[in-house]
mmCIF file of all heavy atoms, coordinates in Angstrom:
data_MODEL
# 
_entry.id   MODEL 
# 
loop_
_atom_site.group_PDB 
_atom_site.id 
_atom_site.type_symbol 
_atom_site.label_atom_id 
_atom_site.label_alt_id 
_atom_site.label_comp_id 
_atom_site.label_asym_id 
_atom_site.label_entity_id 
_atom_site.label_seq_id 
_atom_site.pdbx_PDB_ins_code 
_atom_site.Cartn_x 
_atom_site.Cartn_y 
_atom_site.Cartn_z 
_atom_site.occupancy 
_atom_site.B_iso_or_equiv 
_atom_site.pdbx_formal_charge 
_atom_site.auth_seq_id 
_atom_site.auth_comp_id 
_atom_site.auth_asym_id 
_atom_site.auth_atom_id 
_atom_site.pdbx_PDB_model_num 
ATOM 1   N N   . VAL A 1 1  ? 25.808  0.339  10.040  1.00 0.00 ? 1  VAL A N   1 
ATOM 2   C CA  . VAL A 1 1  ? 25.110  1.324  9.225   1.00 0.00 ? 1  VAL A CA  1 
ATOM 3   C C   . VAL A 1 1  ? 24.326  0.623  8.111   1.00 0.00 ? 1  VAL A C   1 
ATOM 4   O O   . VAL A 1 1  ? 23.166  0.958  7.849   1.00 0.00 ? 1  VAL A O   1 
ATOM 5   C CB  . VAL A 1 1  ? 26.090  2.363  8.642   1.00 0.00 ? 1  VAL A CB  1 
ATOM 6   C CG1 . VAL A 1 1  ? 25.416  3.225  7.596   1.00 0.00 ? 1  VAL A CG1 1 
ATOM 7   C CG2 . VAL A 1 1  ? 26.666  3.220  9.757   1.00 0.00 ? 1  VAL A CG2 1 
ATOM 8   N N   . GLY A 1 2  ? 24.915  -0.360 7.470   1.00 0.00 ? 2  GLY A N   1 
ATOM 9   C CA  . GLY A 1 2  ? 24.227  -1.109 6.412   1.00 0.00 ? 2  GLY A CA  1 
ATOM 10  C C   . GLY A 1 2  ? 22.999  -1.828 6.942   1.00 0.00 ? 2  GLY A C   1 
ATOM 11  O O   . GLY A 1 2  ? 21.941  -1.837 6.311   1.00 0.00 ? 2  GLY A O   1 
ATOM 12  N N   . GLY A 1 3  ? 23.109  -2.418 8.118   1.00 0.00 ? 3  GLY A N   1 
ATOM 13  C CA  . GLY A 1 3  ? 21.971  -3.099 8.730   1.00 0.00 ? 3  GLY A CA  1 
ATOM 14  C C   . GLY A 1 3  ? 20.848  -2.142 9.067   1.00 0.00 ? 3  GLY A C   1 
ATOM 15  O O   . GLY A 1 3  ? 19.680  -2.436 8.844   1.00 0.00 ? 3  GLY A O   1 
ATOM 16  N N   . LEU A 1 4  ? 21.191  -0.982 9.597   1.00 0.00 ? 4  LEU A N   1 
ATOM 17  C CA  . LEU A 1 4  ? 20.167  0.013  9.934   1.00 0.00 ? 4  LEU A CA  1 
ATOM 18  C C   . LEU A 1 4  ? 19.463  0.542  8.691   1.00 0.00 ? 4  LEU A C   1 
ATOM 19  O O   . LEU A 1 4  ? 18.255  0.752  8.691   1.00 0.00 ? 4  LEU A O   1 
ATOM 20  C CB  . LEU A 1 4  ? 20.782  1.165  10.734  1.00 0.00 ? 4  LEU A CB  1 
ATOM 21  C CG  . LEU A 1 4  ? 21.214  0.825  12.163  1.00 0.00 ? 4  LEU A CG  1 
ATOM 22  C CD1 . LEU A 1 4  ? 21.938  2.012  12.791  1.00 0.00 ? 4  LEU A CD1 1 
ATOM 23  C CD2 . LEU A 1 4  ? 20.013  0.428  12.999  1.00 0.00 ? 4  LEU A CD2 1 
ATOM 24  N N   . LEU A 1 5  ? 20.223  0.763  7.625   1.00 0.00 ? 5  LEU A N   1 
ATOM 25  C CA  . LEU A 1 5  ? 19.619  1.249  6.392   1.00 0.00 ? 5  LEU A CA  1 
ATOM 26  C C   . LEU A 1 5  ? 18.658  0.222  5.794   1.00 0.00 ? 5  LEU A C   1 
ATOM 27  O O   . LEU A 1 5  ? 17.567  0.575  5.345   1.00 0.00 ? 5  LEU A O   1 
ATOM 28  C CB  . LEU A 1 5  ? 20.695  1.614  5.374   1.00 0.00 ? 5  LEU A CB  1 
ATOM 29  C CG  . LEU A 1 5  ? 21.482  2.893  5.661   1.00 0.00 ? 5  LEU A CG  1 
ATOM 30  C CD1 . LEU A 1 5  ? 22.598  3.056  4.638   1.00 0.00 ? 5  LEU A CD1 1 
ATOM 31  C CD2 . LEU A 1 5  ? 20.574  4.106  5.655   1.00 0.00 ? 5  LEU A CD2 1 
ATOM 32  N N   . SER A 1 6  ? 19.040  -1.039 5.776   1.00 0.00 ? 6  SER A N   1 
ATOM 33  C CA  . SER A 1 6  ? 18.162  -2.059 5.212   1.00 0.00 ? 6  SER A CA  1 
ATOM 34  C C   . SER A 1 6  ? 16.929  -2.269 6.088   1.00 0.00 ? 6  SER A C   1 
ATOM 35  O O   . SER A 1 6  ? 15.833  -2.493 5.582   1.00 0.00 ? 6  SER A O   1 
ATOM 36  C CB  . SER A 1 6  ? 18.906  -3.372 4.995   1.00 0.00 ? 6  SER A CB  1 
ATOM 37  O OG  . SER A 1 6  ? 19.311  -3.914 6.242   1.00 0.00 ? 6  SER A OG  1 
ATOM 38  N N   . LEU A 1 7  ? 17.066  -2.152 7.384   1.00 0.00 ? 7  LEU A N   1 
ATOM 39  C CA  . LEU A 1 7  ? 15.930  -2.268 8.290   1.00 0.00 ? 7  LEU A CA  1 
ATOM 40  C C   . LEU A 1 7  ? 14.961  -1.108 8.066   1.00 0.00 ? 7  LEU A C   1 
ATOM 41  O O   . LEU A 1 7  ? 13.755  -1.305 7.970   1.00 0.00 ? 7  LEU A O   1 
ATOM 42  C CB  . LEU A 1 7  ? 16.397  -2.289 9.748   1.00 0.00 ? 7  LEU A CB  1 
ATOM 43  C CG  . LEU A 1 7  ? 15.295  -2.361 10.803  1.00 0.00 ? 7  LEU A CG  1 
ATOM 44  C CD1 . LEU A 1 7  ? 14.548  -3.676 10.685  1.00 0.00 ? 7  LEU A CD1 1 
ATOM 45  C CD2 . LEU A 1 7  ? 15.886  -2.209 12.193  1.00 0.00 ? 7  LEU A CD2 1 
ATOM 46  N N   . GLY A 1 8  ? 15.489  0.093  7.959   1.00 0.00 ? 8  GLY A N   1 
ATOM 47  C CA  . GLY A 1 8  ? 14.652  1.271  7.722   1.00 0.00 ? 8  GLY A CA  1 
ATOM 48  C C   . GLY A 1 8  ? 13.923  1.190  6.393   1.00 0.00 ? 8  GLY A C   1 
ATOM 49  O O   . GLY A 1 8  ? 12.751  1.527  6.291   1.00 0.00 ? 8  GLY A O   1 
ATOM 50  N N   . ALA A 1 9  ? 14.578  0.729  5.366   1.00 0.00 ? 9  ALA A N   1 
ATOM 51  C CA  . ALA A 1 9  ? 13.945  0.609  4.051   1.00 0.00 ? 9  ALA A CA  1 
ATOM 52  C C   . ALA A 1 9  ? 12.832  -0.435 4.082   1.00 0.00 ? 9  ALA A C   1 
ATOM 53  O O   . ALA A 1 9  ? 11.783  -0.261 3.467   1.00 0.00 ? 9  ALA A O   1 
ATOM 54  C CB  . ALA A 1 9  ? 14.985  0.249  2.997   1.00 0.00 ? 9  ALA A CB  1 
ATOM 55  N N   . GLY A 1 10 ? 13.038  -1.508 4.819   1.00 0.00 ? 10 GLY A N   1 
ATOM 56  C CA  . GLY A 1 10 ? 12.024  -2.553 4.922   1.00 0.00 ? 10 GLY A CA  1 
ATOM 57  C C   . GLY A 1 10 ? 10.792  -2.099 5.668   1.00 0.00 ? 10 GLY A C   1 
ATOM 58  O O   . GLY A 1 10 ? 9.675   -2.499 5.357   1.00 0.00 ? 10 GLY A O   1 
ATOM 59  N N   . LEU A 1 11 ? 10.944  -1.229 6.641   1.00 0.00 ? 11 LEU A N   1 
ATOM 60  C CA  . LEU A 1 11 ? 9.811   -0.767 7.432   1.00 0.00 ? 11 LEU A CA  1 
ATOM 61  C C   . LEU A 1 11 ? 8.993   0.303  6.718   1.00 0.00 ? 11 LEU A C   1 
ATOM 62  O O   . LEU A 1 11 ? 7.795   0.427  6.949   1.00 0.00 ? 11 LEU A O   1 
ATOM 63  C CB  . LEU A 1 11 ? 10.290  -0.222 8.781   1.00 0.00 ? 11 LEU A CB  1 
ATOM 64  C CG  . LEU A 1 11 ? 10.865  -1.248 9.757   1.00 0.00 ? 11 LEU A CG  1 
ATOM 65  C CD1 . LEU A 1 11 ? 11.379  -0.552 11.002  1.00 0.00 ? 11 LEU A CD1 1 
ATOM 66  C CD2 . LEU A 1 11 ? 9.822   -2.278 10.126  1.00 0.00 ? 11 LEU A CD2 1 
ATOM 67  N N   . THR A 1 12 ? 9.605   1.078  5.864   1.00 0.00 ? 12 THR A N   1 
ATOM 68  C CA  . THR A 1 12 ? 8.893   2.189  5.234   1.00 0.00 ? 12 THR A CA  1 
ATOM 69  C C   . THR A 1 12 ? 8.167   1.779  3.957   1.00 0.00 ? 12 THR A C   1 
ATOM 70  O O   . THR A 1 12 ? 7.278   2.481  3.527   1.00 0.00 ? 12 THR A O   1 
ATOM 71  C CB  . THR A 1 12 ? 9.852   3.343  4.906   1.00 0.00 ? 12 THR A CB  1 
ATOM 72  O OG1 . THR A 1 12 ? 10.870  2.864  4.034   1.00 0.00 ? 12 THR A OG1 1 
ATOM 73  C CG2 . THR A 1 12 ? 10.463  3.921  6.153   1.00 0.00 ? 12 THR A CG2 1 
ATOM 74  N N   . SER A 1 13 ? 8.513   0.672  3.354   1.00 0.00 ? 13 SER A N   1 
ATOM 75  C CA  . SER A 1 13 ? 7.902   0.284  2.089   1.00 0.00 ? 13 SER A CA  1 
ATOM 76  C C   . SER A 1 13 ? 7.073   -0.977 2.272   1.00 0.00 ? 13 SER A C   1 
ATOM 77  O O   . SER A 1 13 ? 7.593   -2.076 2.205   1.00 0.00 ? 13 SER A O   1 
ATOM 78  C CB  . SER A 1 13 ? 8.998   0.049  1.043   1.00 0.00 ? 13 SER A CB  1 
ATOM 79  O OG  . SER A 1 13 ? 8.405   -0.353 -0.156  1.00 0.00 ? 13 SER A OG  1 
ATOM 80  N N   . CYS A 1 14 ? 5.778   -0.830 2.501   1.00 0.00 ? 14 CYS A N   1 
ATOM 81  C CA  . CYS A 1 14 ? 4.876   -1.967 2.683   1.00 0.00 ? 14 CYS A CA  1 
ATOM 82  C C   . CYS A 1 14 ? 3.859   -1.976 1.556   1.00 0.00 ? 14 CYS A C   1 
ATOM 83  O O   . CYS A 1 14 ? 2.656   -1.950 1.782   1.00 0.00 ? 14 CYS A O   1 
ATOM 84  C CB  . CYS A 1 14 ? 4.173   -1.888 4.032   1.00 0.00 ? 14 CYS A CB  1 
ATOM 85  S SG  . CYS A 1 14 ? 5.288   -2.011 5.421   1.00 0.00 ? 14 CYS A SG  1 
ATOM 86  N N   . LYS A 1 15 ? 4.336   -1.967 0.331   1.00 0.00 ? 15 LYS A N   1 
ATOM 87  C CA  . LYS A 1 15 ? 3.430   -1.954 -0.812  1.00 0.00 ? 15 LYS A CA  1 
ATOM 88  C C   . LYS A 1 15 ? 2.819   -3.334 -0.975  1.00 0.00 ? 15 LYS A C   1 
ATOM 89  O O   . LYS A 1 15 ? 3.471   -4.347 -0.799  1.00 0.00 ? 15 LYS A O   1 
ATOM 90  C CB  . LYS A 1 15 ? 4.162   -1.556 -2.082  1.00 0.00 ? 15 LYS A CB  1 
ATOM 91  C CG  . LYS A 1 15 ? 4.583   -0.117 -2.080  1.00 0.00 ? 15 LYS A CG  1 
ATOM 92  C CD  . LYS A 1 15 ? 5.208   0.277  -3.383  1.00 0.00 ? 15 LYS A CD  1 
ATOM 93  C CE  . LYS A 1 15 ? 5.583   1.742  -3.334  1.00 0.00 ? 15 LYS A CE  1 
ATOM 94  N NZ  . LYS A 1 15 ? 6.123   2.195  -4.604  1.00 0.00 ? 15 LYS A NZ  1 
ATOM 95  N N   . GLU A 1 16 ? 1.533   -3.337 -1.290  1.00 0.00 ? 16 GLU A N   1 
ATOM 96  C CA  . GLU A 1 16 ? 0.811   -4.579 -1.511  1.00 0.00 ? 16 GLU A CA  1 
ATOM 97  C C   . GLU A 1 16 ? -0.266  -4.328 -2.553  1.00 0.00 ? 16 GLU A C   1 
ATOM 98  O O   . GLU A 1 16 ? -0.572  -3.193 -2.891  1.00 0.00 ? 16 GLU A O   1 
ATOM 99  C CB  . GLU A 1 16 ? 0.195   -5.082 -0.210  1.00 0.00 ? 16 GLU A CB  1 
ATOM 100 C CG  . GLU A 1 16 ? -0.741  -4.092 0.438   1.00 0.00 ? 16 GLU A CG  1 
ATOM 101 C CD  . GLU A 1 16 ? -1.229  -4.531 1.795   1.00 0.00 ? 16 GLU A CD  1 
ATOM 102 O OE1 . GLU A 1 16 ? -0.403  -4.919 2.626   1.00 0.00 ? 16 GLU A OE1 1 
ATOM 103 O OE2 . GLU A 1 16 ? -2.440  -4.483 1.998   1.00 0.00 ? 16 GLU A OE2 1 
ATOM 104 N N   . GLU A 1 17 ? -0.836  -5.389 -3.038  1.00 0.00 ? 17 GLU A N   1 
ATOM 105 C CA  . GLU A 1 17 ? -1.914  -5.282 -4.023  1.00 0.00 ? 17 GLU A CA  1 
ATOM 106 C C   . GLU A 1 17 ? -3.215  -4.958 -3.295  1.00 0.00 ? 17 GLU A C   1 
ATOM 107 O O   . GLU A 1 17 ? -3.657  -5.703 -2.437  1.00 0.00 ? 17 GLU A O   1 
ATOM 108 C CB  . GLU A 1 17 ? -2.053  -6.598 -4.788  1.00 0.00 ? 17 GLU A CB  1 
ATOM 109 C CG  . GLU A 1 17 ? -3.076  -6.564 -5.892  1.00 0.00 ? 17 GLU A CG  1 
ATOM 110 C CD  . GLU A 1 17 ? -2.629  -5.766 -7.100  1.00 0.00 ? 17 GLU A CD  1 
ATOM 111 O OE1 . GLU A 1 17 ? -1.411  -5.546 -7.279  1.00 0.00 ? 17 GLU A OE1 1 
ATOM 112 O OE2 . GLU A 1 17 ? -3.493  -5.344 -7.866  1.00 0.00 ? 17 GLU A OE2 1 
ATOM 113 N N   . ASN A 1 18 ? -3.808  -3.824 -3.617  1.00 0.00 ? 18 ASN A N   1 
ATOM 114 C CA  . ASN A 1 18 ? -5.082  -3.393 -3.042  1.00 0.00 ? 18 ASN A CA  1 
ATOM 115 C C   . ASN A 1 18 ? -6.092  -3.263 -4.170  1.00 0.00 ? 18 ASN A C   1 
ATOM 116 O O   . ASN A 1 18 ? -5.748  -2.879 -5.284  1.00 0.00 ? 18 ASN A O   1 
ATOM 117 C CB  . ASN A 1 18 ? -4.935  -2.022 -2.359  1.00 0.00 ? 18 ASN A CB  1 
ATOM 118 C CG  . ASN A 1 18 ? -4.008  -2.088 -1.175  1.00 0.00 ? 18 ASN A CG  1 
ATOM 119 O OD1 . ASN A 1 18 ? -4.363  -2.571 -0.128  1.00 0.00 ? 18 ASN A OD1 1 
ATOM 120 N ND2 . ASN A 1 18 ? -2.785  -1.605 -1.346  1.00 0.00 ? 18 ASN A ND2 1 
ATOM 121 N N   . VAL A 1 19 ? -7.357  -3.557 -3.891  1.00 0.00 ? 19 VAL A N   1 
ATOM 122 C CA  . VAL A 1 19 ? -8.397  -3.478 -4.904  1.00 0.00 ? 19 VAL A CA  1 
ATOM 123 C C   . VAL A 1 19 ? -9.447  -2.458 -4.477  1.00 0.00 ? 19 VAL A C   1 
ATOM 124 O O   . VAL A 1 19 ? -9.992  -2.534 -3.379  1.00 0.00 ? 19 VAL A O   1 
ATOM 125 C CB  . VAL A 1 19 ? -9.066  -4.852 -5.136  1.00 0.00 ? 19 VAL A CB  1 
ATOM 126 C CG1 . VAL A 1 19 ? -10.198 -4.733 -6.144  1.00 0.00 ? 19 VAL A CG1 1 
ATOM 127 C CG2 . VAL A 1 19 ? -8.042  -5.858 -5.606  1.00 0.00 ? 19 VAL A CG2 1 
ATOM 128 N N   . CYS A 1 20 ? -9.696  -1.515 -5.358  1.00 0.00 ? 20 CYS A N   1 
ATOM 129 C CA  . CYS A 1 20 ? -10.715 -0.489 -5.159  1.00 0.00 ? 20 CYS A CA  1 
ATOM 130 C C   . CYS A 1 20 ? -11.959 -0.935 -5.925  1.00 0.00 ? 20 CYS A C   1 
ATOM 131 O O   . CYS A 1 20 ? -11.922 -1.104 -7.135  1.00 0.00 ? 20 CYS A O   1 
ATOM 132 C CB  . CYS A 1 20 ? -10.195 0.847  -5.697  1.00 0.00 ? 20 CYS A CB  1 
ATOM 133 S SG  . CYS A 1 20 ? -11.381 2.191  -5.595  1.00 0.00 ? 20 CYS A SG  1 
ATOM 134 N N   . SER A 1 21 ? -13.048 -1.154 -5.207  1.00 0.00 ? 21 SER A N   1 
ATOM 135 C CA  . SER A 1 21 ? -14.294 -1.627 -5.805  1.00 0.00 ? 21 SER A CA  1 
ATOM 136 C C   . SER A 1 21 ? -15.288 -0.472 -5.889  1.00 0.00 ? 21 SER A C   1 
ATOM 137 O O   . SER A 1 21 ? -15.534 0.207  -4.893  1.00 0.00 ? 21 SER A O   1 
ATOM 138 C CB  . SER A 1 21 ? -14.873 -2.751 -4.947  1.00 0.00 ? 21 SER A CB  1 
ATOM 139 O OG  . SER A 1 21 ? -16.144 -3.113 -5.406  1.00 0.00 ? 21 SER A OG  1 
ATOM 140 N N   . CYS A 1 22 ? -15.851 -0.252 -7.080  1.00 0.00 ? 22 CYS A N   1 
ATOM 141 C CA  . CYS A 1 22 ? -16.772 0.867  -7.288  1.00 0.00 ? 22 CYS A CA  1 
ATOM 142 C C   . CYS A 1 22 ? -18.151 0.359  -7.709  1.00 0.00 ? 22 CYS A C   1 
ATOM 143 O O   . CYS A 1 22 ? -18.260 -0.550 -8.524  1.00 0.00 ? 22 CYS A O   1 
ATOM 144 C CB  . CYS A 1 22 ? -16.236 1.801  -8.364  1.00 0.00 ? 22 CYS A CB  1 
ATOM 145 S SG  . CYS A 1 22 ? -14.651 2.537  -7.945  1.00 0.00 ? 22 CYS A SG  1 
ATOM 146 N N   . ASP A 1 23 ? -19.183 0.971  -7.138  1.00 0.00 ? 23 ASP A N   1 
ATOM 147 C CA  . ASP A 1 23 ? -20.572 0.699  -7.507  1.00 0.00 ? 23 ASP A CA  1 
ATOM 148 C C   . ASP A 1 23 ? -21.152 1.941  -8.153  1.00 0.00 ? 23 ASP A C   1 
ATOM 149 O O   . ASP A 1 23 ? -20.855 3.064  -7.754  1.00 0.00 ? 23 ASP A O   1 
ATOM 150 C CB  . ASP A 1 23 ? -21.417 0.354  -6.266  1.00 0.00 ? 23 ASP A CB  1 
ATOM 151 C CG  . ASP A 1 23 ? -21.032 -0.975 -5.647  1.00 0.00 ? 23 ASP A CG  1 
ATOM 152 O OD1 . ASP A 1 23 ? -20.632 -1.887 -6.393  1.00 0.00 ? 23 ASP A OD1 1 
ATOM 153 O OD2 . ASP A 1 23 ? -21.150 -1.097 -4.414  1.00 0.00 ? 23 ASP A OD2 1 
ATOM 154 N N   . LYS A 1 24 ? -22.003 1.716  -9.136  1.00 0.00 ? 24 LYS A N   1 
ATOM 155 C CA  . LYS A 1 24 ? -22.688 2.818  -9.822  1.00 0.00 ? 24 LYS A CA  1 
ATOM 156 C C   . LYS A 1 24 ? -24.167 2.730  -9.432  1.00 0.00 ? 24 LYS A C   1 
ATOM 157 O O   . LYS A 1 24 ? -24.812 1.713  -9.659  1.00 0.00 ? 24 LYS A O   1 
ATOM 158 C CB  . LYS A 1 24 ? -22.511 2.679  -11.333 1.00 0.00 ? 24 LYS A CB  1 
ATOM 159 C CG  . LYS A 1 24 ? -22.976 3.869  -12.127 1.00 0.00 ? 24 LYS A CG  1 
ATOM 160 C CD  . LYS A 1 24 ? -22.595 3.678  -13.600 1.00 0.00 ? 24 LYS A CD  1 
ATOM 161 C CE  . LYS A 1 24 ? -22.771 4.948  -14.397 1.00 0.00 ? 24 LYS A CE  1 
ATOM 162 N NZ  . LYS A 1 24 ? -22.340 4.750  -15.793 1.00 0.00 ? 24 LYS A NZ  1 
ATOM 163 N N   . THR A 1 25 ? -24.679 3.789  -8.833  1.00 0.00 ? 25 THR A N   1 
ATOM 164 C CA  . THR A 1 25 ? -26.058 3.809  -8.367  1.00 0.00 ? 25 THR A CA  1 
ATOM 165 C C   . THR A 1 25 ? -26.856 4.819  -9.180  1.00 0.00 ? 25 THR A C   1 
ATOM 166 O O   . THR A 1 25 ? -26.524 6.001  -9.195  1.00 0.00 ? 25 THR A O   1 
ATOM 167 C CB  . THR A 1 25 ? -26.122 4.197  -6.872  1.00 0.00 ? 25 THR A CB  1 
ATOM 168 O OG1 . THR A 1 25 ? -25.295 3.318  -6.125  1.00 0.00 ? 25 THR A OG1 1 
ATOM 169 C CG2 . THR A 1 25 ? -27.544 4.131  -6.351  1.00 0.00 ? 25 THR A CG2 1 
ATOM 170 N N   . TYR A 1 26 ? -27.893 4.325  -9.861  1.00 0.00 ? 26 TYR A N   1 
ATOM 171 C CA  . TYR A 1 26 ? -28.803 5.197  -10.601 1.00 0.00 ? 26 TYR A CA  1 
ATOM 172 C C   . TYR A 1 26 ? -29.966 5.567  -9.701  1.00 0.00 ? 26 TYR A C   1 
ATOM 173 O O   . TYR A 1 26 ? -30.548 4.713  -9.046  1.00 0.00 ? 26 TYR A O   1 
ATOM 174 C CB  . TYR A 1 26 ? -29.337 4.502  -11.858 1.00 0.00 ? 26 TYR A CB  1 
ATOM 175 C CG  . TYR A 1 26 ? -28.357 4.526  -12.997 1.00 0.00 ? 26 TYR A CG  1 
ATOM 176 C CD1 . TYR A 1 26 ? -27.543 3.439  -13.256 1.00 0.00 ? 26 TYR A CD1 1 
ATOM 177 C CD2 . TYR A 1 26 ? -28.244 5.645  -13.805 1.00 0.00 ? 26 TYR A CD2 1 
ATOM 178 C CE1 . TYR A 1 26 ? -26.642 3.462  -14.302 1.00 0.00 ? 26 TYR A CE1 1 
ATOM 179 C CE2 . TYR A 1 26 ? -27.337 5.679  -14.851 1.00 0.00 ? 26 TYR A CE2 1 
ATOM 180 C CZ  . TYR A 1 26 ? -26.548 4.586  -15.089 1.00 0.00 ? 26 TYR A CZ  1 
ATOM 181 O OH  . TYR A 1 26 ? -25.646 4.620  -16.116 1.00 0.00 ? 26 TYR A OH  1 
ATOM 182 N N   . ILE A 1 27 ? -30.298 6.832  -9.671  1.00 0.00 ? 27 ILE A N   1 
ATOM 183 C CA  . ILE A 1 27 ? -31.426 7.312  -8.899  1.00 0.00 ? 27 ILE A CA  1 
ATOM 184 C C   . ILE A 1 27 ? -32.566 7.573  -9.879  1.00 0.00 ? 27 ILE A C   1 
ATOM 185 O O   . ILE A 1 27 ? -32.434 8.384  -10.798 1.00 0.00 ? 27 ILE A O   1 
ATOM 186 C CB  . ILE A 1 27 ? -31.063 8.587  -8.110  1.00 0.00 ? 27 ILE A CB  1 
ATOM 187 C CG1 . ILE A 1 27 ? -29.997 8.243  -7.084  1.00 0.00 ? 27 ILE A CG1 1 
ATOM 188 C CG2 . ILE A 1 27 ? -32.270 9.163  -7.408  1.00 0.00 ? 27 ILE A CG2 1 
ATOM 189 C CD1 . ILE A 1 27 ? -28.810 9.086  -7.123  1.00 0.00 ? 27 ILE A CD1 1 
ATOM 190 N N   . THR A 1 28 ? -33.666 6.852  -9.687  1.00 0.00 ? 28 THR A N   1 
ATOM 191 C CA  . THR A 1 28 ? -34.808 6.981  -10.585 1.00 0.00 ? 28 THR A CA  1 
ATOM 192 C C   . THR A 1 28 ? -36.036 7.400  -9.786  1.00 0.00 ? 28 THR A C   1 
ATOM 193 O O   . THR A 1 28 ? -35.989 7.492  -8.564  1.00 0.00 ? 28 THR A O   1 
ATOM 194 C CB  . THR A 1 28 ? -35.096 5.635  -11.292 1.00 0.00 ? 28 THR A CB  1 
ATOM 195 O OG1 . THR A 1 28 ? -35.463 4.681  -10.300 1.00 0.00 ? 28 THR A OG1 1 
ATOM 196 C CG2 . THR A 1 28 ? -33.897 5.140  -12.063 1.00 0.00 ? 28 THR A CG2 1 
# 
């Protein structure tokens, strides 16, 4: 049971550093 719980927790949490890049476009 302990092994299954730790395996399940490892598979569901794949947090990583992600970067959201934004551009600002002026319409003239």
